[in-house]
Amino acid sequence: MKAAVLYGSGDIRLKEIDIPEIGSKDILLKIRTVGICGSDLHSYKTGLYSFPEQIMGHEFCGEVVKIGVDVTDIKLGDRVTGFTVSYCGKCYWCTRKSYRLCPDLFKSYSGYGEPGAMAEYMKIQNAVLNENVFLIPDHVTDEAGALAEPIGTAAYSLLRTKPTEQDTVVIIGAGFIGNIVTQLMKNNPVAKVIVSEIMDERLKLAKNVGADVVINANKTDDILSKIQQHTGIGRHHFGEGGMADIVIDAAGGTNTLNQALTFARSKGVVGLVALPEKDVVIDSSKIIYKDLRIIGILGSMIPSGIDYLNKGAINVGSLITHTFTLDQVDEAFKTLVRDSTALKVMLKI
């Protein structure tokens, strides 16, 4: 089969490798579509999260073409998404059933330590329906089904930050995750969603899916005053900022994280869902004297992502800006690096 193999920063190539052999508890998928995640792009650009000769891809839709003899409830022809993963079972986090924090998780996770979906076929080990394999409803397209995983990450953002109907929410960054978080916040619902971004195309998309206010941070000399017009002025010890109840940093950088700390009111919540490529430097004094709650957001709730798609509550079609074949995988990654209009890039296998 063909697989896209990452050899180093900026070096991804097609390679002919053997189709995976499956065991009695495994399934084999013929991959239909794969989304390129931000973490895949970080791996391509900088080597972050990379293992030697890695096959990336954890946002996917595949068709079940082979089933181990001990697998139940999964049928040939099912369209699914999911993952291989295992945990050490012994660490502090495993003994408390917080498995997503097991330090060994990414050593065995699809697209990281285990081969991912940027290939014609992919194996899911120890396949169990509704645990690590999830059916995609018939009326959901392959492309949308492949995005259940990142939609699940956006859903987890809401679980972690706990928005209410009274809350004013600021989302910094209107890329794919920022846009989906915007949609879910409006579905929740919250009182107001304000989106800050530096690209007009993305702001237009955010407005189209329900953002109450969109602000181009590159087209104002005073982004704080723009935010304050819509949140109110948040006076605090030693200064003033915004009055947002929740701020989500979906961009991931020194500038945006410091903006998040500024836009949030005292006793507010700052959720971090974007992975920075470089270390960030922040004014930590704001965390202290504003008594902020800083929330890390790791992982996905794939069943929630599928549920939103099943109900038609999420618009993903307008967010898929480019589609390439597996043979064009290098061009797909180069497009994400150089084309500012690229939002969600898909590989059609």
Protein backbone atom coordinates (compact mmCIF):
# COMPACT_ATOMS: atom_id res chain seq x y z
CA MET A 1 0.00 0.00 0.00
CA LYS A 2 0.96 3.66 -0.27
CA ALA A 3 1.64 5.62 2.92
CA ALA A 4 2.79 9.18 3.60
CA VAL A 5 5.88 8.93 5.79
CA LEU A 6 7.35 11.89 7.68
CA TYR A 7 11.14 11.69 7.68
CA GLY A 8 11.90 15.07 9.22
CA SER A 9 10.94 18.72 9.23
CA GLY A 10 9.43 19.58 5.84
CA ASP A 11 10.18 16.10 4.51
CA ILE A 12 7.13 13.92 3.88
CA ARG A 13 7.19 11.28 1.15
CA LEU A 14 5.07 8.49 -0.26
CA LYS A 15 6.40 5.04 0.46
CA GLU A 16 5.27 1.55 -0.52
CA ILE A 17 4.86 -0.54 2.64
CA ASP A 18 3.08 -3.73 3.58
CA ILE A 19 -0.62 -3.63 4.39
CA PRO A 20 -0.88 -4.14 8.17
CA GLU A 21 -1.57 -7.63 9.43
CA ILE A 22 -4.33 -7.79 12.02
CA GLY A 23 -4.69 -9.92 15.12
CA SER A 24 -7.80 -11.55 16.53
CA LYS A 25 -8.90 -8.38 18.33
CA ASP A 26 -8.08 -5.90 15.54
CA ILE A 27 -9.76 -4.45 12.47
CA LEU A 28 -8.37 -3.20 9.18
CA LEU A 29 -9.72 -0.04 7.59
CA LYS A 30 -9.53 1.15 4.00
CA ILE A 31 -9.07 4.87 4.54
CA ARG A 32 -11.40 7.21 2.64
CA THR A 33 -10.55 10.70 3.90
CA VAL A 34 -8.09 12.28 6.34
CA GLY A 35 -7.96 15.77 7.79
CA ILE A 36 -4.63 17.43 8.50
CA CYS A 37 -4.62 18.53 12.14
CA GLY A 38 -2.69 21.43 13.62
CA SER A 39 -0.49 18.94 15.48
CA ASP A 40 0.30 17.21 12.15
CA LEU A 41 1.34 20.58 10.77
CA HIS A 42 3.54 21.25 13.83
CA SER A 43 5.20 17.87 13.29
CA TYR A 44 5.77 18.66 9.61
CA LYS A 45 7.18 22.13 10.27
CA THR A 46 9.24 21.63 13.41
CA GLY A 47 9.41 17.94 14.30
CA LEU A 48 7.18 18.38 17.35
CA TYR A 49 5.23 15.25 18.37
CA SER A 50 7.13 13.20 15.78
CA PHE A 51 8.46 9.67 16.00
CA PRO A 52 10.97 8.28 13.45
CA GLU A 53 9.35 7.58 10.07
CA GLN A 54 5.94 8.51 11.36
CA ILE A 55 2.69 7.96 9.46
CA MET A 56 0.48 10.76 10.72
CA GLY A 57 -3.28 11.15 10.61
CA HIS A 58 -5.83 10.85 13.42
CA GLU A 59 -8.78 12.68 11.82
CA PHE A 60 -10.22 10.15 9.39
CA CYS A 61 -13.08 8.16 7.97
CA GLY A 62 -12.44 4.58 6.94
CA GLU A 63 -14.32 1.50 5.78
CA VAL A 64 -13.94 -1.77 7.69
CA VAL A 65 -12.49 -4.36 5.29
CA LYS A 66 -11.14 -7.01 7.66
CA ILE A 67 -12.18 -8.08 11.16
CA GLY A 68 -10.37 -10.18 13.75
CA VAL A 69 -12.17 -13.32 14.92
CA ASP A 70 -12.68 -11.98 18.45
CA VAL A 71 -14.16 -8.62 17.40
CA THR A 72 -17.89 -8.20 17.99
CA ASP A 73 -20.49 -5.59 16.94
CA ILE A 74 -18.34 -4.29 14.06
CA LYS A 75 -19.24 -5.36 10.52
CA LEU A 76 -17.52 -5.39 7.15
CA GLY A 77 -18.45 -2.23 5.25
CA ASP A 78 -19.04 -0.10 8.36
CA ARG A 79 -17.78 3.46 8.02
CA VAL A 80 -15.95 4.37 11.20
CA THR A 81 -13.46 6.60 12.88
CA GLY A 82 -11.46 5.85 16.01
CA PHE A 83 -7.98 5.10 17.26
CA THR A 84 -5.50 2.62 18.61
CA VAL A 85 -4.31 3.44 22.10
CA SER A 86 -2.97 1.70 25.20
CA TYR A 87 -2.00 2.88 28.65
CA CYS A 88 0.62 1.75 31.13
CA GLY A 89 -2.05 0.91 33.74
CA LYS A 90 0.32 1.63 36.60
CA CYS A 91 0.99 5.37 36.73
CA TYR A 92 -0.68 7.90 39.03
CA TRP A 93 -3.18 8.83 36.29
CA CYS A 94 -4.10 5.30 35.22
CA THR A 95 -4.80 4.25 38.81
CA ARG A 96 -7.24 7.16 38.98
CA LYS A 97 -8.82 6.36 35.59
CA SER A 98 -7.56 9.64 34.05
CA TYR A 99 -6.19 7.66 31.14
CA ARG A 100 -5.76 10.57 28.74
CA LEU A 101 -2.96 11.83 31.02
CA CYS A 102 -0.98 8.58 31.02
CA PRO A 103 2.59 9.55 30.02
CA ASP A 104 2.74 6.56 27.66
CA LEU A 105 -0.45 7.43 25.74
CA PHE A 106 1.12 8.97 22.65
CA LYS A 107 3.62 6.12 22.30
CA SER A 108 0.72 3.92 21.24
CA TYR A 109 -1.79 6.37 19.74
CA SER A 110 -2.78 6.29 16.08
CA GLY A 111 -0.91 8.91 14.07
CA TYR A 112 1.72 9.37 16.77
CA GLY A 113 3.45 6.24 18.09
CA GLU A 114 1.29 3.91 15.98
CA PRO A 115 0.80 4.31 12.21
CA GLY A 116 -1.97 6.75 11.36
CA ALA A 117 -4.46 7.26 8.57
CA MET A 118 -2.36 9.00 5.91
CA ALA A 119 -2.19 5.69 4.10
CA GLU A 120 -4.43 3.45 2.05
CA TYR A 121 -5.03 1.10 4.98
CA MET A 122 -4.81 1.42 8.76
CA LYS A 123 -5.12 -1.05 11.62
CA ILE A 124 -7.02 -0.35 14.82
CA GLN A 125 -5.85 -2.63 17.58
CA ASN A 126 -8.13 -4.04 20.28
CA ALA A 127 -11.16 -2.67 18.44
CA VAL A 128 -14.22 -2.20 20.62
CA LEU A 129 -17.31 -0.43 19.30
CA ASN A 130 -18.08 2.82 21.11
CA GLU A 131 -14.80 2.67 23.00
CA ASN A 132 -12.16 3.19 20.32
CA VAL A 133 -14.22 2.58 17.16
CA PHE A 134 -17.21 4.79 16.35
CA LEU A 135 -19.78 4.38 13.58
CA ILE A 136 -20.34 7.31 11.23
CA PRO A 137 -24.07 7.77 10.40
CA ASP A 138 -25.07 7.01 6.82
CA HIS A 139 -26.14 10.58 6.03
CA VAL A 140 -22.84 12.09 7.23
CA THR A 141 -20.28 12.47 4.44
CA ASP A 142 -16.83 10.91 4.54
CA GLU A 143 -15.28 14.37 4.87
CA ALA A 144 -17.51 15.42 7.77
CA GLY A 145 -17.10 12.05 9.48
CA ALA A 146 -13.34 12.42 9.37
CA LEU A 147 -13.73 15.63 11.36
CA ALA A 148 -15.63 14.07 14.28
CA GLU A 149 -12.35 13.96 16.22
CA PRO A 150 -11.55 17.72 16.11
CA ILE A 151 -15.25 18.53 16.63
CA GLY A 152 -14.96 16.36 19.73
CA THR A 153 -12.02 18.49 20.86
CA ALA A 154 -14.20 21.59 20.56
CA ALA A 155 -16.90 19.79 22.55
CA TYR A 156 -14.34 18.99 25.25
CA SER A 157 -13.48 22.71 25.36
CA LEU A 158 -17.03 23.41 26.48
CA LEU A 159 -16.97 20.61 29.03
CA ARG A 160 -13.81 22.05 30.55
CA THR A 161 -14.81 25.73 30.55
CA LYS A 162 -18.49 25.19 31.52
CA PRO A 163 -20.21 28.12 29.74
CA THR A 164 -23.65 29.31 30.88
CA GLU A 165 -26.45 31.26 29.22
CA GLN A 166 -25.26 34.45 30.92
CA ASP A 167 -21.66 34.25 29.71
CA THR A 168 -19.88 36.49 27.25
CA VAL A 169 -17.24 34.45 25.43
CA VAL A 170 -14.21 35.68 23.47
CA ILE A 171 -12.56 33.26 21.04
CA ILE A 172 -9.10 34.22 19.82
CA GLY A 173 -8.35 32.59 16.48
CA ALA A 174 -10.94 31.54 13.89
CA GLY A 175 -9.17 28.54 12.41
CA PHE A 176 -10.96 25.20 12.30
CA ILE A 177 -11.11 24.61 16.07
CA GLY A 178 -11.91 28.26 16.81
CA ASN A 179 -14.75 28.17 14.30
CA ILE A 180 -16.19 24.93 15.71
CA VAL A 181 -15.93 26.26 19.28
CA THR A 182 -17.83 29.33 18.06
CA GLN A 183 -20.60 27.12 16.68
CA LEU A 184 -20.83 25.02 19.82
CA MET A 185 -20.90 28.07 22.09
CA LYS A 186 -23.82 29.43 20.06
CA ASN A 187 -25.52 26.03 20.33
CA ASN A 188 -24.95 25.85 24.07
CA PRO A 189 -26.11 28.71 24.16
CA VAL A 190 -24.19 31.63 25.66
CA ALA A 191 -25.14 35.29 25.82
CA LYS A 192 -22.55 36.56 23.31
CA VAL A 193 -19.65 35.23 21.24
CA ILE A 194 -16.89 37.60 20.13
CA VAL A 195 -14.24 36.33 17.72
CA SER A 196 -10.84 37.97 17.30
CA GLU A 197 -8.73 36.99 14.29
CA ILE A 198 -6.23 38.54 11.87
CA MET A 199 -7.69 37.19 8.61
CA ASP A 200 -10.86 38.60 7.07
CA GLU A 201 -11.73 35.32 5.32
CA ARG A 202 -11.86 33.48 8.63
CA LEU A 203 -13.80 36.25 10.31
CA LYS A 204 -16.40 36.05 7.55
CA LEU A 205 -16.77 32.31 8.17
CA ALA A 206 -17.10 32.91 11.92
CA LYS A 207 -19.81 35.51 11.30
CA ASN A 208 -21.63 33.14 8.97
CA VAL A 209 -21.84 30.45 11.66
CA GLY A 210 -23.22 32.76 14.31
CA ALA A 211 -20.50 34.87 15.95
CA ASP A 212 -22.18 37.98 17.36
CA VAL A 213 -19.10 40.18 16.91
CA VAL A 214 -15.98 39.69 14.79
CA ILE A 215 -12.86 41.84 15.13
CA ASN A 216 -9.78 41.91 12.89
CA ALA A 217 -6.99 42.40 15.44
CA ASN A 218 -4.60 43.54 12.71
CA LYS A 219 -6.90 46.40 11.70
CA THR A 220 -7.14 48.15 15.03
CA ASP A 221 -4.56 50.06 17.04
CA ASP A 222 -6.26 49.12 20.30
CA ILE A 223 -7.70 45.61 20.34
CA LEU A 224 -8.52 45.87 24.06
CA SER A 225 -10.79 48.88 23.57
CA LYS A 226 -12.60 47.00 20.78
CA ILE A 227 -13.16 44.05 23.10
CA GLN A 228 -14.28 46.35 25.91
CA GLN A 229 -16.95 47.87 23.65
CA HIS A 230 -18.67 44.49 23.64
CA THR A 231 -17.76 43.00 27.05
CA GLY A 232 -17.61 46.10 29.20
CA ILE A 233 -14.56 47.45 31.03
CA GLY A 234 -13.16 45.09 33.62
CA ARG A 235 -11.44 47.10 36.33
CA HIS A 236 -9.09 45.02 38.45
CA HIS A 237 -6.19 45.44 40.82
CA PHE A 238 -3.58 47.66 39.17
CA GLY A 239 -5.40 48.23 35.89
CA GLU A 240 -8.27 47.35 33.63
CA GLY A 241 -9.05 44.82 30.91
CA GLY A 242 -12.08 43.17 29.42
CA MET A 243 -15.10 41.63 31.12
CA ALA A 244 -15.30 38.34 29.22
CA ASP A 245 -16.47 35.45 31.37
CA ILE A 246 -14.62 32.92 29.22
CA VAL A 247 -11.76 33.40 26.76
CA ILE A 248 -10.63 30.55 24.49
CA ASP A 249 -7.15 30.82 22.96
CA ALA A 250 -7.50 28.88 19.72
CA ALA A 251 -4.42 30.48 18.14
CA GLY A 252 -1.57 29.55 20.47
CA GLY A 253 1.14 32.17 20.80
CA THR A 254 2.67 34.68 23.19
CA ASN A 255 0.53 37.53 21.87
CA THR A 256 -2.78 35.67 21.91
CA LEU A 257 -2.30 34.10 25.34
CA ASN A 258 -1.48 37.49 26.86
CA GLN A 259 -4.56 38.91 25.13
CA ALA A 260 -6.63 36.14 26.68
CA LEU A 261 -5.39 37.05 30.17
CA THR A 262 -6.24 40.69 29.45
CA PHE A 263 -9.70 40.14 27.94
CA ALA A 264 -10.93 37.91 30.78
CA ARG A 265 -12.64 39.48 33.79
CA SER A 266 -11.44 38.86 37.33
CA LYS A 267 -12.49 35.35 38.37
CA GLY A 268 -12.88 34.54 34.66
CA VAL A 269 -11.84 31.41 32.77
CA VAL A 270 -9.12 31.15 30.13
CA GLY A 271 -9.19 27.92 28.08
CA LEU A 272 -6.12 26.86 26.10
CA VAL A 273 -6.92 24.61 23.14
CA ALA A 274 -4.20 25.63 20.64
CA LEU A 275 -0.72 24.09 20.75
CA PRO A 276 2.06 26.68 20.38
CA GLU A 277 5.08 25.82 18.25
CA LYS A 278 7.40 27.84 20.51
CA ASP A 279 7.55 28.59 24.21
CA VAL A 280 5.29 31.49 25.16
CA VAL A 281 6.09 34.31 27.56
CA ILE A 282 3.17 35.62 29.63
CA ASP A 283 2.47 38.26 32.26
CA SER A 284 1.63 35.79 35.02
CA SER A 285 0.83 38.59 37.46
CA LYS A 286 -2.57 38.97 35.73
CA ILE A 287 -3.38 35.35 36.61
CA ILE A 288 -2.72 36.11 40.25
CA TYR A 289 -4.32 39.48 40.83
CA LYS A 290 -7.32 38.71 38.62
CA ASP A 291 -7.72 35.30 40.29
CA LEU A 292 -8.10 33.65 36.87
CA ARG A 293 -8.78 29.98 36.22
CA ILE A 294 -6.50 28.66 33.46
CA ILE A 295 -7.79 25.50 31.80
CA GLY A 296 -5.78 23.14 29.60
CA ILE A 297 -7.84 21.30 26.98
CA LEU A 298 -6.34 17.98 25.86
CA GLY A 299 -8.12 15.36 23.83
CA SER A 300 -11.43 14.73 22.17
CA MET A 301 -14.91 13.39 22.82
CA ILE A 302 -15.47 11.68 19.46
CA PRO A 303 -19.01 10.44 20.28
CA SER A 304 -20.04 14.05 20.97
CA GLY A 305 -18.49 15.10 17.65
CA ILE A 306 -20.49 12.43 15.81
CA ASP A 307 -23.66 13.41 17.68
CA TYR A 308 -23.32 17.05 16.59
CA LEU A 309 -22.81 15.91 12.99
CA ASN A 310 -25.73 13.49 13.19
CA LYS A 311 -28.06 16.26 14.37
CA GLY A 312 -26.83 18.67 11.70
CA ALA A 313 -25.82 21.12 14.44
CA ILE A 314 -22.38 21.81 12.95
CA ASN A 315 -21.48 23.35 9.59
CA VAL A 316 -18.18 21.85 8.45
CA GLY A 317 -18.54 22.02 4.67
CA SER A 318 -17.58 25.68 4.43
CA LEU A 319 -14.46 25.05 6.54
CA ILE A 320 -12.92 22.50 4.15
CA THR A 321 -10.92 24.80 1.91
CA HIS A 322 -8.61 22.38 0.07
CA THR A 323 -8.67 18.71 -0.91
CA PHE A 324 -5.71 16.71 -2.22
CA THR A 325 -5.02 13.08 -3.08
CA LEU A 326 -2.56 10.99 -1.06
CA ASP A 327 -0.07 11.34 -3.93
CA GLN A 328 -0.22 15.11 -3.34
CA VAL A 329 0.47 14.94 0.40
CA ASP A 330 3.62 17.09 0.21
CA GLU A 331 1.72 19.80 -1.68
CA ALA A 332 -1.10 19.58 0.89
CA PHE A 333 1.28 20.38 3.75
CA LYS A 334 3.06 23.10 1.76
CA THR A 335 -0.33 24.68 1.08
CA LEU A 336 -1.07 24.84 4.81
CA VAL A 337 2.29 26.49 5.41
CA ARG A 338 2.14 29.12 2.67
CA ASP A 339 -1.54 29.73 1.85
CA SER A 340 -3.29 31.99 4.37
CA THR A 341 -6.70 30.93 3.06
CA ALA A 342 -6.13 27.26 3.96
CA LEU A 343 -8.35 26.36 6.90
CA LYS A 344 -9.03 22.62 6.86
CA VAL A 345 -7.05 20.66 4.31
CA MET A 346 -8.25 17.13 3.52
CA LEU A 347 -6.63 14.15 1.86
CA LYS A 348 -8.95 11.98 -0.22
CA ILE A 349 -7.37 8.56 -0.27
